[in-house]
Protein backbone atom coordinates (compact mmCIF):
# COMPACT_ATOMS: atom_id res chain seq x y z
CA ALA A 1 45.43 -36.61 33.97
CA VAL A 2 48.98 -36.01 35.19
CA LEU A 3 50.22 -39.07 33.30
CA GLN A 4 48.55 -37.79 30.14
CA VAL A 5 50.03 -34.30 30.47
CA PHE A 6 53.57 -35.54 31.09
CA THR A 7 53.30 -38.01 28.19
CA LEU A 8 52.06 -35.31 25.82
CA LEU A 9 54.78 -32.88 26.93
CA TRP A 10 57.46 -35.49 26.35
CA ILE A 11 56.08 -36.34 22.89
CA ALA A 12 55.67 -32.64 22.03
CA ASP A 13 59.30 -31.95 22.91
CA TRP A 14 60.47 -34.80 20.71
CA MET A 15 58.09 -33.92 17.88
CA VAL A 16 59.02 -30.22 17.76
CA HIS A 17 62.74 -31.02 17.58
CA HIS A 18 62.05 -33.63 14.90
CA PHE A 19 60.13 -31.15 12.72
CA TRP A 20 62.79 -28.48 13.21
CA ARG A 21 65.44 -30.88 11.95
CA LYS A 22 63.28 -31.67 8.91
CA GLY A 23 62.93 -27.93 8.15
CA LYS A 24 59.18 -27.84 8.74
CA ASP A 25 57.22 -25.40 10.90
CA PRO A 26 56.48 -27.23 14.19
CA ASP A 27 53.39 -25.09 14.86
CA SER A 28 51.69 -26.20 11.67
CA PHE A 29 52.70 -29.85 11.83
CA SER A 30 52.83 -30.85 15.50
CA ILE A 31 49.63 -29.28 16.89
CA PRO A 32 47.17 -31.49 14.93
CA TYR A 33 49.09 -34.62 15.87
CA LEU A 34 49.29 -33.65 19.53
CA THR A 35 45.61 -32.80 19.86
CA ALA A 36 44.58 -36.07 18.21
CA LEU A 37 47.03 -37.99 20.39
CA GLY A 38 45.71 -36.19 23.48
CA ASP A 39 42.15 -37.25 22.66
CA LEU A 40 43.21 -40.83 22.03
CA LEU A 41 45.38 -41.05 25.12
CA GLY A 42 42.75 -39.44 27.35
CA THR A 43 40.05 -41.82 26.17
CA ALA A 44 42.34 -44.83 26.60
CA LEU A 45 43.34 -43.81 30.13
CA LEU A 46 39.71 -43.21 31.09
CA ALA A 47 38.75 -46.65 29.77
CA LEU A 48 41.63 -48.22 31.70
CA SER A 49 40.48 -46.44 34.87
CA PHE A 50 36.95 -47.81 34.54
CA HIS A 51 38.28 -51.27 33.78
CA PHE A 52 40.55 -51.11 36.84
CA LEU A 53 37.59 -50.11 39.03
CA TRP A 54 35.57 -53.00 37.62
CA LEU A 55 38.41 -55.43 38.34
CA ILE A 56 38.72 -54.42 41.99
CA GLY A 57 35.03 -55.00 42.52
CA ASP A 58 33.36 -51.62 42.06
CA ARG A 59 30.34 -52.96 40.17
CA ASP A 60 27.78 -50.33 41.09
CA GLY A 61 24.78 -51.59 39.18
CA ASP A 62 22.41 -48.77 40.12
CA VAL A 63 24.35 -46.02 38.35
CA GLY A 64 22.01 -43.98 36.21
CA ASP A 65 18.81 -45.06 37.98
């Protein structure tokens, strides 16, 4: 979660400055991109976490029983 937050803050800082230079309102243009990127990044990091657990041998087969 911390990795995701820092990544999104870094991208948001870059994106807001980029839109300011282009003369566009950063509130209207950056928020949809950041929320979509946050969903994508969060899902990818969660999938990587589960894959990492599987690789180190955490194959709990009775989950959900």
